[in-house]
Amino acid sequence: MTRFLATAAVLSFVALAATACNTPQERAVGGGAVGAVGGALVGQAIGGNTGATVAGAVIGGLAGAMIGAGTAPGECRYHQYDNRGRPMYDRNGRPVTYLAPCQ
């Protein structure tokens, strides 16, 4: 049991480091890893057998992946301004915009 807990602790630290990623795909993977480790620990604590541990890991992994992907910062469209602070427009009169991470 102590070996299992030590392995779970190491895996959770590795998974926690993976959650510092920024893209939704990277955050989904990191969240899935953290959720799987947490779910496995909870499943083992509640069920006390291999089936409960696997079920907890699967449920926790899916939930963590969904939460990780959903909390990723999105991209926002911003207007581009000239050096006098006026909005810039293209040849067709449309505002010039760019995408950047939301603040």
N, C-alpha and C. Protein backbone atom coordinates (compact mmCIF):
# COMPACT_ATOMS: atom_id res chain seq x y z
N MET A 1 0.82 -1.20 0.00
CA MET A 1 0.00 0.00 0.00
C MET A 1 0.86 1.26 0.00
N THR A 2 1.97 1.25 0.77
CA THR A 2 2.82 2.44 0.80
C THR A 2 3.51 2.64 -0.54
N ARG A 3 3.83 1.55 -1.24
CA ARG A 3 4.43 1.68 -2.57
C ARG A 3 3.43 2.31 -3.53
N PHE A 4 2.17 1.91 -3.44
CA PHE A 4 1.12 2.48 -4.28
C PHE A 4 0.98 3.97 -4.01
N LEU A 5 0.96 4.35 -2.75
CA LEU A 5 0.82 5.77 -2.42
C LEU A 5 2.03 6.58 -2.87
N ALA A 6 3.23 6.01 -2.75
CA ALA A 6 4.43 6.72 -3.21
C ALA A 6 4.40 6.90 -4.72
N THR A 7 3.99 5.86 -5.43
CA THR A 7 3.88 5.97 -6.89
C THR A 7 2.82 6.98 -7.28
N ALA A 8 1.70 6.97 -6.60
CA ALA A 8 0.64 7.93 -6.89
C ALA A 8 1.09 9.35 -6.61
N ALA A 9 1.85 9.55 -5.54
CA ALA A 9 2.34 10.89 -5.22
C ALA A 9 3.29 11.39 -6.29
N VAL A 10 4.19 10.54 -6.75
CA VAL A 10 5.13 10.95 -7.81
C VAL A 10 4.38 11.26 -9.09
N LEU A 11 3.44 10.41 -9.46
CA LEU A 11 2.66 10.66 -10.68
C LEU A 11 1.83 11.93 -10.58
N SER A 12 1.30 12.21 -9.40
CA SER A 12 0.51 13.44 -9.26
C SER A 12 1.38 14.68 -9.36
N PHE A 13 2.62 14.62 -8.87
CA PHE A 13 3.52 15.76 -9.03
C PHE A 13 3.87 15.97 -10.50
N VAL A 14 4.11 14.90 -11.22
CA VAL A 14 4.41 15.01 -12.66
C VAL A 14 3.19 15.56 -13.40
N ALA A 15 2.02 15.06 -13.06
CA ALA A 15 0.81 15.53 -13.72
C ALA A 15 0.52 16.98 -13.37
N LEU A 16 0.81 17.37 -12.16
CA LEU A 16 0.59 18.76 -11.77
C LEU A 16 1.49 19.69 -12.56
N ALA A 17 2.70 19.27 -12.85
CA ALA A 17 3.59 20.09 -13.67
C ALA A 17 3.06 20.22 -15.09
N ALA A 18 2.36 19.21 -15.57
CA ALA A 18 1.81 19.25 -16.92
C ALA A 18 0.63 20.21 -17.04
N THR A 19 0.01 20.59 -15.94
CA THR A 19 -1.14 21.48 -16.01
C THR A 19 -0.75 22.93 -16.20
N ALA A 20 0.53 23.25 -16.22
CA ALA A 20 0.97 24.62 -16.46
C ALA A 20 0.98 24.95 -17.94
N CYS A 21 0.51 24.07 -18.78
CA CYS A 21 0.49 24.29 -20.23
C CYS A 21 -0.65 25.23 -20.60
N ASN A 22 -0.59 25.81 -21.80
CA ASN A 22 -1.54 26.84 -22.16
C ASN A 22 -2.59 26.44 -23.18
N THR A 23 -2.26 25.60 -24.15
CA THR A 23 -3.25 25.29 -25.18
C THR A 23 -4.32 24.36 -24.60
N PRO A 24 -5.53 24.39 -25.16
CA PRO A 24 -6.58 23.52 -24.64
C PRO A 24 -6.21 22.04 -24.70
N GLN A 25 -5.47 21.62 -25.75
CA GLN A 25 -5.09 20.22 -25.85
C GLN A 25 -4.11 19.84 -24.75
N GLU A 26 -3.13 20.71 -24.49
CA GLU A 26 -2.15 20.42 -23.44
C GLU A 26 -2.82 20.42 -22.07
N ARG A 27 -3.74 21.36 -21.86
CA ARG A 27 -4.43 21.41 -20.58
C ARG A 27 -5.36 20.21 -20.40
N ALA A 28 -5.94 19.71 -21.49
CA ALA A 28 -6.78 18.52 -21.39
C ALA A 28 -5.96 17.31 -20.98
N VAL A 29 -4.76 17.17 -21.55
CA VAL A 29 -3.89 16.05 -21.19
C VAL A 29 -3.46 16.17 -19.73
N GLY A 30 -3.03 17.36 -19.33
CA GLY A 30 -2.61 17.56 -17.95
C GLY A 30 -3.74 17.35 -16.96
N GLY A 31 -4.91 17.89 -17.28
CA GLY A 31 -6.07 17.70 -16.42
C GLY A 31 -6.50 16.25 -16.35
N GLY A 32 -6.40 15.55 -17.48
CA GLY A 32 -6.74 14.13 -17.49
C GLY A 32 -5.80 13.31 -16.63
N ALA A 33 -4.51 13.66 -16.66
CA ALA A 33 -3.54 12.94 -15.84
C ALA A 33 -3.79 13.18 -14.35
N VAL A 34 -4.02 14.43 -14.00
CA VAL A 34 -4.30 14.74 -12.59
C VAL A 34 -5.60 14.08 -12.15
N GLY A 35 -6.63 14.13 -13.00
CA GLY A 35 -7.90 13.50 -12.66
C GLY A 35 -7.80 12.00 -12.53
N ALA A 36 -6.99 11.38 -13.39
CA ALA A 36 -6.84 9.92 -13.32
C ALA A 36 -6.15 9.50 -12.03
N VAL A 37 -5.11 10.23 -11.65
CA VAL A 37 -4.42 9.90 -10.40
C VAL A 37 -5.35 10.12 -9.21
N GLY A 38 -6.03 11.25 -9.20
CA GLY A 38 -6.95 11.52 -8.09
C GLY A 38 -8.10 10.53 -8.04
N GLY A 39 -8.64 10.20 -9.22
CA GLY A 39 -9.72 9.22 -9.27
C GLY A 39 -9.28 7.84 -8.82
N ALA A 40 -8.05 7.45 -9.18
CA ALA A 40 -7.53 6.15 -8.74
C ALA A 40 -7.38 6.12 -7.23
N LEU A 41 -6.88 7.20 -6.66
CA LEU A 41 -6.73 7.25 -5.20
C LEU A 41 -8.08 7.18 -4.49
N VAL A 42 -9.05 7.92 -5.00
CA VAL A 42 -10.38 7.91 -4.39
C VAL A 42 -11.04 6.54 -4.58
N GLY A 43 -10.91 5.97 -5.79
CA GLY A 43 -11.48 4.65 -6.04
C GLY A 43 -10.89 3.58 -5.14
N GLN A 44 -9.58 3.64 -4.93
CA GLN A 44 -8.92 2.67 -4.04
C GLN A 44 -9.37 2.87 -2.60
N ALA A 45 -9.52 4.13 -2.19
CA ALA A 45 -9.93 4.41 -0.81
C ALA A 45 -11.37 3.97 -0.56
N ILE A 46 -12.24 4.16 -1.53
CA ILE A 46 -13.65 3.82 -1.33
C ILE A 46 -13.90 2.34 -1.56
N GLY A 47 -13.43 1.81 -2.70
CA GLY A 47 -13.73 0.42 -3.05
C GLY A 47 -12.77 -0.58 -2.46
N GLY A 48 -11.50 -0.22 -2.40
CA GLY A 48 -10.50 -1.12 -1.83
C GLY A 48 -10.11 -2.28 -2.73
N ASN A 49 -10.49 -2.25 -4.01
CA ASN A 49 -10.09 -3.33 -4.91
C ASN A 49 -9.66 -2.74 -6.25
N THR A 50 -9.16 -3.61 -7.12
CA THR A 50 -8.61 -3.15 -8.41
C THR A 50 -9.69 -2.55 -9.31
N GLY A 51 -10.86 -3.14 -9.31
CA GLY A 51 -11.95 -2.63 -10.15
C GLY A 51 -12.33 -1.21 -9.79
N ALA A 52 -12.42 -0.94 -8.50
CA ALA A 52 -12.76 0.41 -8.06
C ALA A 52 -11.65 1.40 -8.40
N THR A 53 -10.40 0.96 -8.31
CA THR A 53 -9.28 1.83 -8.65
C THR A 53 -9.30 2.18 -10.13
N VAL A 54 -9.53 1.19 -10.98
CA VAL A 54 -9.58 1.43 -12.43
C VAL A 54 -10.77 2.31 -12.78
N ALA A 55 -11.93 2.03 -12.20
CA ALA A 55 -13.11 2.86 -12.47
C ALA A 55 -12.88 4.30 -12.03
N GLY A 56 -12.28 4.48 -10.87
CA GLY A 56 -11.99 5.83 -10.39
C GLY A 56 -11.00 6.55 -11.29
N ALA A 57 -10.01 5.82 -11.80
CA ALA A 57 -9.03 6.43 -12.70
C ALA A 57 -9.67 6.86 -14.01
N VAL A 58 -10.56 6.03 -14.55
CA VAL A 58 -11.22 6.36 -15.81
C VAL A 58 -12.14 7.56 -15.63
N ILE A 59 -12.96 7.52 -14.60
CA ILE A 59 -13.90 8.62 -14.36
C ILE A 59 -13.14 9.91 -14.05
N GLY A 60 -12.13 9.83 -13.21
CA GLY A 60 -11.33 11.01 -12.88
C GLY A 60 -10.58 11.55 -14.07
N GLY A 61 -10.05 10.66 -14.92
CA GLY A 61 -9.34 11.10 -16.11
C GLY A 61 -10.24 11.83 -17.09
N LEU A 62 -11.43 11.30 -17.31
CA LEU A 62 -12.37 11.97 -18.22
C LEU A 62 -12.81 13.32 -17.66
N ALA A 63 -13.13 13.35 -16.38
CA ALA A 63 -13.54 14.62 -15.77
C ALA A 63 -12.40 15.63 -15.79
N GLY A 64 -11.20 15.20 -15.48
CA GLY A 64 -10.05 16.11 -15.49
C GLY A 64 -9.75 16.64 -16.87
N ALA A 65 -9.89 15.80 -17.90
CA ALA A 65 -9.65 16.25 -19.27
C ALA A 65 -10.68 17.29 -19.70
N MET A 66 -11.94 17.07 -19.34
CA MET A 66 -12.98 18.03 -19.70
C MET A 66 -12.77 19.35 -18.97
N ILE A 67 -12.44 19.29 -17.70
CA ILE A 67 -12.21 20.52 -16.94
C ILE A 67 -10.96 21.23 -17.43
N GLY A 68 -9.90 20.48 -17.71
CA GLY A 68 -8.67 21.08 -18.20
C GLY A 68 -8.86 21.80 -19.53
N ALA A 69 -9.57 21.17 -20.46
CA ALA A 69 -9.81 21.79 -21.76
C ALA A 69 -10.74 22.99 -21.63
N GLY A 70 -11.69 22.91 -20.71
CA GLY A 70 -12.64 24.01 -20.55
C GLY A 70 -12.08 25.23 -19.86
N THR A 71 -11.01 25.08 -19.12
CA THR A 71 -10.45 26.22 -18.40
C THR A 71 -9.27 26.85 -19.11
N ALA A 72 -8.96 26.40 -20.32
CA ALA A 72 -7.83 26.97 -21.07
C ALA A 72 -8.19 28.39 -21.50
N PRO A 73 -7.23 29.30 -21.42
CA PRO A 73 -7.52 30.66 -21.87
C PRO A 73 -7.75 30.67 -23.37
N GLY A 74 -8.76 31.40 -23.79
CA GLY A 74 -9.07 31.47 -25.21
C GLY A 74 -8.34 32.61 -25.89
N GLU A 75 -8.66 32.79 -27.16
CA GLU A 75 -8.09 33.89 -27.91
C GLU A 75 -9.15 34.95 -28.11
N CYS A 76 -8.74 36.20 -28.04
CA CYS A 76 -9.65 37.33 -28.24
C CYS A 76 -9.19 38.11 -29.46
N ARG A 77 -10.13 38.74 -30.10
CA ARG A 77 -9.82 39.58 -31.26
C ARG A 77 -9.71 41.03 -30.78
N TYR A 78 -8.59 41.65 -31.08
CA TYR A 78 -8.34 43.03 -30.68
C TYR A 78 -8.19 43.91 -31.92
N HIS A 79 -8.60 45.17 -31.80
CA HIS A 79 -8.41 46.14 -32.88
C HIS A 79 -6.98 46.66 -32.84
N GLN A 80 -6.43 46.88 -34.02
CA GLN A 80 -5.08 47.43 -34.11
C GLN A 80 -5.19 48.95 -34.25
N TYR A 81 -4.34 49.66 -33.51
CA TYR A 81 -4.35 51.13 -33.51
C TYR A 81 -3.04 51.66 -34.05
N ASP A 82 -3.11 52.87 -34.64
CA ASP A 82 -1.88 53.49 -35.12
C ASP A 82 -1.17 54.20 -33.97
N ASN A 83 -0.08 54.91 -34.29
CA ASN A 83 0.70 55.53 -33.22
C ASN A 83 0.00 56.72 -32.58
N ARG A 84 -1.11 57.18 -33.14
CA ARG A 84 -1.89 58.27 -32.53
C ARG A 84 -3.09 57.75 -31.75
N GLY A 85 -3.24 56.44 -31.69
CA GLY A 85 -4.34 55.85 -30.94
C GLY A 85 -5.63 55.71 -31.72
N ARG A 86 -5.57 55.91 -33.03
CA ARG A 86 -6.77 55.77 -33.87
C ARG A 86 -6.85 54.35 -34.42
N PRO A 87 -8.06 53.81 -34.56
CA PRO A 87 -8.18 52.47 -35.12
C PRO A 87 -7.71 52.45 -36.58
N MET A 88 -7.07 51.35 -36.97
CA MET A 88 -6.59 51.20 -38.34
C MET A 88 -7.63 50.42 -39.15
N TYR A 89 -7.72 50.75 -40.45
CA TYR A 89 -8.67 50.10 -41.35
C TYR A 89 -7.93 49.61 -42.59
N ASP A 90 -8.43 48.52 -43.18
CA ASP A 90 -7.82 48.02 -44.41
C ASP A 90 -8.40 48.75 -45.62
N ARG A 91 -8.05 48.30 -46.83
CA ARG A 91 -8.50 48.97 -48.06
C ARG A 91 -10.01 48.97 -48.22
N ASN A 92 -10.66 47.98 -47.66
CA ASN A 92 -12.11 47.85 -47.81
C ASN A 92 -12.89 48.51 -46.68
N GLY A 93 -12.20 49.20 -45.80
CA GLY A 93 -12.87 49.91 -44.71
C GLY A 93 -13.16 49.07 -43.49
N ARG A 94 -12.65 47.84 -43.47
CA ARG A 94 -12.86 46.98 -42.30
C ARG A 94 -11.76 47.24 -41.28
N PRO A 95 -12.09 47.18 -40.00
CA PRO A 95 -11.06 47.40 -38.98
C PRO A 95 -10.00 46.30 -39.02
N VAL A 96 -8.76 46.67 -38.81
CA VAL A 96 -7.66 45.71 -38.76
C VAL A 96 -7.63 45.12 -37.36
N THR A 97 -7.71 43.80 -37.28
CA THR A 97 -7.74 43.12 -35.98
C THR A 97 -6.64 42.06 -35.93
N TYR A 98 -6.35 41.60 -34.73
CA TYR A 98 -5.40 40.52 -34.52
C TYR A 98 -5.88 39.67 -33.36
N LEU A 99 -5.43 38.42 -33.34
CA LEU A 99 -5.79 37.50 -32.27
C LEU A 99 -4.66 37.42 -31.25
N ALA A 100 -5.04 37.43 -29.99
CA ALA A 100 -4.07 37.30 -28.90
C ALA A 100 -4.79 36.63 -27.73
N PRO A 101 -4.04 36.07 -26.78
CA PRO A 101 -4.69 35.47 -25.61
C PRO A 101 -5.52 36.50 -24.84
N CYS A 102 -6.66 36.07 -24.37
CA CYS A 102 -7.53 36.97 -23.60
C CYS A 102 -6.86 37.34 -22.29
N GLN A 103 -7.15 38.53 -21.84
CA GLN A 103 -6.53 39.01 -20.60
C GLN A 103 -7.51 38.97 -19.47
